[in-house]
N, C-alpha and C. Protein backbone atom coordinates (compact mmCIF):
# COMPACT_ATOMS: atom_id res chain seq x y z
N MET A 1 -143.90 175.67 -27.65
CA MET A 1 -142.44 175.67 -27.86
C MET A 1 -141.92 176.05 -29.18
N THR A 2 -140.81 176.22 -29.47
CA THR A 2 -140.03 176.05 -30.78
C THR A 2 -139.94 175.19 -31.56
N ALA A 3 -139.72 175.69 -32.67
CA ALA A 3 -139.27 174.41 -33.53
C ALA A 3 -137.87 173.67 -33.36
N PHE A 4 -137.08 174.42 -32.80
CA PHE A 4 -135.53 173.57 -32.82
C PHE A 4 -135.67 172.77 -31.51
N LEU A 5 -136.42 172.94 -30.51
CA LEU A 5 -136.59 172.01 -29.30
C LEU A 5 -137.44 170.72 -29.59
N PRO A 6 -136.96 169.56 -28.91
CA PRO A 6 -138.11 168.16 -28.72
C PRO A 6 -139.16 169.06 -28.19
N ASP A 7 -139.95 168.31 -27.98
CA ASP A 7 -141.58 168.74 -27.76
C ASP A 7 -141.16 168.04 -26.28
N GLY A 8 -142.09 168.53 -25.12
CA GLY A 8 -142.00 168.68 -23.84
C GLY A 8 -140.45 168.81 -23.07
N TYR A 9 -139.71 169.85 -23.85
CA TYR A 9 -138.67 169.96 -23.77
C TYR A 9 -138.59 171.11 -22.25
N GLU A 10 -137.69 170.86 -21.20
CA GLU A 10 -137.81 171.51 -20.04
C GLU A 10 -136.28 171.93 -19.65
N ALA A 11 -135.66 173.02 -19.48
CA ALA A 11 -134.19 173.45 -19.26
C ALA A 11 -134.39 172.79 -17.90
N PRO A 12 -132.84 172.62 -17.37
CA PRO A 12 -132.89 172.07 -15.77
C PRO A 12 -132.92 173.46 -15.12
N LYS A 13 -133.15 173.23 -13.91
CA LYS A 13 -132.97 174.05 -12.83
C LYS A 13 -132.02 175.00 -12.42
N SER A 14 -130.62 174.65 -12.66
CA SER A 14 -129.35 174.59 -12.49
C SER A 14 -129.21 175.70 -13.08
N VAL A 15 -128.15 176.62 -12.73
CA VAL A 15 -127.70 177.83 -13.45
C VAL A 15 -126.44 177.20 -13.95
N SER A 16 -126.13 177.64 -15.39
CA SER A 16 -125.18 177.05 -16.26
C SER A 16 -124.19 178.54 -16.43
N PHE A 17 -122.76 178.51 -16.71
CA PHE A 17 -122.23 179.59 -17.26
C PHE A 17 -121.31 179.27 -18.84
N TYR A 18 -121.81 178.15 -19.28
CA TYR A 18 -121.11 177.48 -20.60
C TYR A 18 -121.39 178.80 -21.91
N THR A 19 -122.42 179.25 -21.66
CA THR A 19 -122.57 180.44 -22.75
C THR A 19 -122.66 181.61 -22.06
N LYS A 20 -121.92 182.90 -22.12
CA LYS A 20 -122.25 184.09 -21.53
C LYS A 20 -122.45 185.50 -22.43
N PHE A 21 -123.64 186.05 -22.40
CA PHE A 21 -123.97 186.99 -23.12
C PHE A 21 -123.53 188.36 -22.17
N GLU A 22 -123.27 189.28 -22.29
CA GLU A 22 -122.96 190.73 -21.49
C GLU A 22 -124.30 191.26 -21.73
N ASP A 23 -124.77 191.96 -20.59
CA ASP A 23 -125.80 192.81 -20.54
C ASP A 23 -125.88 194.09 -21.46
N GLY A 24 -126.81 194.18 -22.47
CA GLY A 24 -127.02 195.62 -23.44
C GLY A 24 -125.86 194.71 -24.58
N GLU A 25 -125.55 193.60 -24.44
CA GLU A 25 -124.90 193.55 -26.26
C GLU A 25 -125.98 192.75 -26.73
N LYS A 26 -125.39 193.71 -27.90
CA LYS A 26 -126.72 193.27 -29.03
C LYS A 26 -125.98 191.99 -29.87
N VAL A 27 -126.42 190.56 -30.10
CA VAL A 27 -126.14 189.81 -30.82
C VAL A 27 -126.89 189.12 -31.74
N LYS A 28 -126.81 189.16 -33.03
CA LYS A 28 -127.48 188.77 -34.02
C LYS A 28 -127.42 187.55 -34.44
N LEU A 29 -127.80 186.44 -34.08
CA LEU A 29 -127.54 185.13 -34.47
C LEU A 29 -129.17 184.34 -35.04
N ARG A 30 -128.74 183.48 -36.01
CA ARG A 30 -129.60 182.63 -36.85
C ARG A 30 -129.47 181.16 -36.67
N ILE A 31 -130.50 180.26 -36.18
CA ILE A 31 -130.60 179.52 -35.45
C ILE A 31 -130.91 178.70 -37.40
N LEU A 32 -129.65 177.37 -37.71
CA LEU A 32 -129.77 176.84 -38.92
C LEU A 32 -130.33 175.53 -38.80
N PRO A 33 -130.57 175.04 -39.96
CA PRO A 33 -131.64 173.66 -40.12
C PRO A 33 -130.11 172.85 -39.86
N SER A 34 -130.48 171.90 -38.71
CA SER A 34 -129.33 170.72 -39.01
C SER A 34 -129.08 169.45 -39.94
N GLY A 35 -130.47 169.43 -40.22
CA GLY A 35 -130.71 168.41 -41.11
C GLY A 35 -131.50 167.25 -40.74
N LEU A 36 -131.33 167.12 -39.32
CA LEU A 36 -132.42 166.19 -38.56
C LEU A 36 -133.51 166.40 -39.19
N GLU A 37 -134.57 165.41 -39.51
CA GLU A 37 -135.66 165.44 -39.65
C GLU A 37 -136.75 166.32 -38.50
N ASP A 38 -136.74 165.50 -37.37
CA ASP A 38 -137.35 165.87 -36.16
C ASP A 38 -137.23 166.53 -35.31
N ARG A 39 -135.74 167.38 -35.39
CA ARG A 39 -135.56 168.86 -34.22
C ARG A 39 -134.13 169.17 -35.11
N ASN A 40 -133.95 170.54 -34.91
CA ASN A 40 -132.82 171.08 -35.09
C ASN A 40 -131.90 171.52 -34.14
N CYS A 41 -132.24 171.10 -32.61
CA CYS A 41 -131.40 171.05 -30.88
C CYS A 41 -130.95 170.18 -30.68
N ILE A 42 -130.23 169.52 -30.45
CA ILE A 42 -129.64 168.62 -29.53
C ILE A 42 -129.41 169.07 -28.38
N THR A 43 -129.95 168.02 -27.32
CA THR A 43 -129.86 168.66 -25.79
C THR A 43 -128.94 167.51 -25.14
N GLY A 44 -128.50 167.87 -23.96
CA GLY A 44 -128.13 166.88 -23.54
C GLY A 44 -127.02 167.02 -22.11
N PHE A 45 -126.25 166.38 -21.30
CA PHE A 45 -125.25 166.49 -20.52
C PHE A 45 -124.07 166.41 -20.80
N GLU A 46 -122.98 167.17 -20.29
CA GLU A 46 -121.58 166.69 -20.76
C GLU A 46 -120.82 167.34 -19.49
N TYR A 47 -119.58 166.11 -19.40
CA TYR A 47 -118.15 166.53 -18.57
C TYR A 47 -117.12 165.99 -18.98
N PHE A 48 -115.93 166.29 -18.41
CA PHE A 48 -114.96 166.20 -19.41
C PHE A 48 -114.08 165.30 -18.30
N GLU A 49 -113.11 164.40 -18.70
CA GLU A 49 -112.14 163.37 -17.90
C GLU A 49 -111.00 163.23 -18.63
N GLU A 50 -109.80 163.27 -17.97
CA GLU A 50 -108.60 163.09 -18.43
C GLU A 50 -108.05 162.00 -18.61
N THR A 51 -107.44 161.89 -20.02
CA THR A 51 -106.84 160.52 -20.45
C THR A 51 -105.34 160.64 -20.13
N GLU A 52 -105.25 159.16 -20.47
CA GLU A 52 -103.86 159.03 -19.50
C GLU A 52 -102.64 159.89 -20.78
N ASP A 53 -102.73 160.47 -21.68
CA ASP A 53 -102.09 161.27 -22.24
C ASP A 53 -101.82 162.74 -21.97
N GLY A 54 -102.95 163.04 -21.40
CA GLY A 54 -103.16 164.15 -20.15
C GLY A 54 -104.18 165.25 -20.83
N LYS A 55 -104.96 164.79 -22.13
CA LYS A 55 -105.85 165.42 -22.78
C LYS A 55 -106.95 165.25 -21.95
N LYS A 56 -108.36 166.17 -22.36
CA LYS A 56 -109.53 165.94 -21.87
C LYS A 56 -110.09 165.41 -22.63
N THR A 57 -111.04 164.63 -23.03
CA THR A 57 -112.35 164.15 -23.51
C THR A 57 -113.62 164.42 -23.24
N PRO A 58 -114.49 164.59 -23.84
CA PRO A 58 -115.71 164.95 -23.03
C PRO A 58 -116.36 163.24 -22.91
N ILE A 59 -117.40 163.52 -22.26
CA ILE A 59 -118.16 162.70 -22.07
C ILE A 59 -119.79 163.13 -22.33
N ARG A 60 -120.80 162.44 -23.06
CA ARG A 60 -122.14 162.91 -23.31
C ARG A 60 -123.17 162.08 -23.12
N SER A 61 -124.30 162.54 -22.72
CA SER A 61 -125.22 161.74 -22.23
C SER A 61 -126.30 162.65 -22.74
N THR A 62 -127.81 161.98 -23.07
CA THR A 62 -128.92 163.04 -23.32
C THR A 62 -129.50 163.05 -22.02
N GLN A 63 -129.10 161.88 -21.16
CA GLN A 63 -129.55 162.18 -19.43
C GLN A 63 -128.55 162.18 -19.01
N THR A 64 -128.88 162.80 -17.85
CA THR A 64 -127.95 163.31 -16.71
C THR A 64 -127.24 162.24 -16.03
N MET A 65 -126.15 162.26 -15.74
CA MET A 65 -125.54 160.84 -15.39
C MET A 65 -124.74 161.36 -13.87
N LYS A 66 -125.41 162.29 -13.07
CA LYS A 66 -125.26 162.64 -11.44
C LYS A 66 -123.79 162.74 -11.38
N ASN A 67 -123.19 163.10 -12.43
CA ASN A 67 -121.54 163.77 -12.25
C ASN A 67 -121.54 164.95 -11.75
N ILE A 68 -120.80 165.25 -10.76
CA ILE A 68 -120.65 166.67 -9.65
C ILE A 68 -120.29 167.65 -11.12
N ASN A 69 -119.58 167.72 -12.11
CA ASN A 69 -119.15 168.19 -12.90
C ASN A 69 -119.92 168.64 -14.25
N GLU A 70 -121.23 167.36 -14.19
CA GLU A 70 -121.57 167.80 -15.83
C GLU A 70 -122.59 169.11 -15.63
N LYS A 71 -122.15 169.38 -17.12
CA LYS A 71 -123.33 170.57 -17.48
C LYS A 71 -124.04 170.20 -18.44
N HIS A 72 -124.68 170.90 -18.18
CA HIS A 72 -126.36 170.93 -19.52
C HIS A 72 -125.91 171.62 -20.97
N PHE A 73 -126.40 170.83 -21.65
CA PHE A 73 -126.16 171.73 -23.16
C PHE A 73 -127.02 171.87 -24.21
N TRP A 74 -126.99 172.75 -24.82
CA TRP A 74 -127.80 173.01 -26.23
C TRP A 74 -126.93 173.05 -27.23
N ALA A 75 -126.60 172.51 -28.42
CA ALA A 75 -126.14 172.29 -29.76
C ALA A 75 -127.20 172.32 -30.92
N PHE A 76 -126.51 173.44 -31.09
CA PHE A 76 -127.01 173.66 -32.92
C PHE A 76 -126.43 174.58 -33.55
N LYS A 77 -126.48 174.65 -34.88
CA LYS A 77 -125.65 175.21 -36.01
C LYS A 77 -126.58 176.95 -35.67
N VAL A 78 -125.73 177.68 -35.84
CA VAL A 78 -125.94 179.45 -36.03
C VAL A 78 -125.34 180.16 -36.59
N TYR A 79 -125.80 180.76 -37.42
CA TYR A 79 -125.04 182.06 -38.17
C TYR A 79 -124.74 182.96 -37.28
N ASN A 80 -123.81 183.79 -37.02
CA ASN A 80 -123.54 184.91 -36.11
C ASN A 80 -123.29 186.10 -37.09
N HIS A 81 -124.18 186.95 -37.52
CA HIS A 81 -124.24 188.37 -37.90
C HIS A 81 -123.21 189.08 -37.68
N ASN A 82 -122.77 188.98 -36.39
CA ASN A 82 -121.84 190.17 -35.93
C ASN A 82 -120.13 189.87 -36.56
N LEU A 83 -119.86 188.43 -36.85
CA LEU A 83 -119.02 188.37 -36.74
C LEU A 83 -118.45 188.49 -38.71
């Protein structure tokens, strides 16, 4: 396993369309240090709920919440060389 994911990490079996890369598209990214001593990547699950004022707010957890709308995510700092 690479240095930016926690030991024993396994991606969920479901398909996620949160981040999309086009076939044949060349993207040069560099994963940057997070400042956390033990890992550079945060993983978890998230879904959005609508608040009373009509805005959407994220609900996040490190473990699945069994919500039909939740998505698995990876969060880490990157530098996009293409921008």
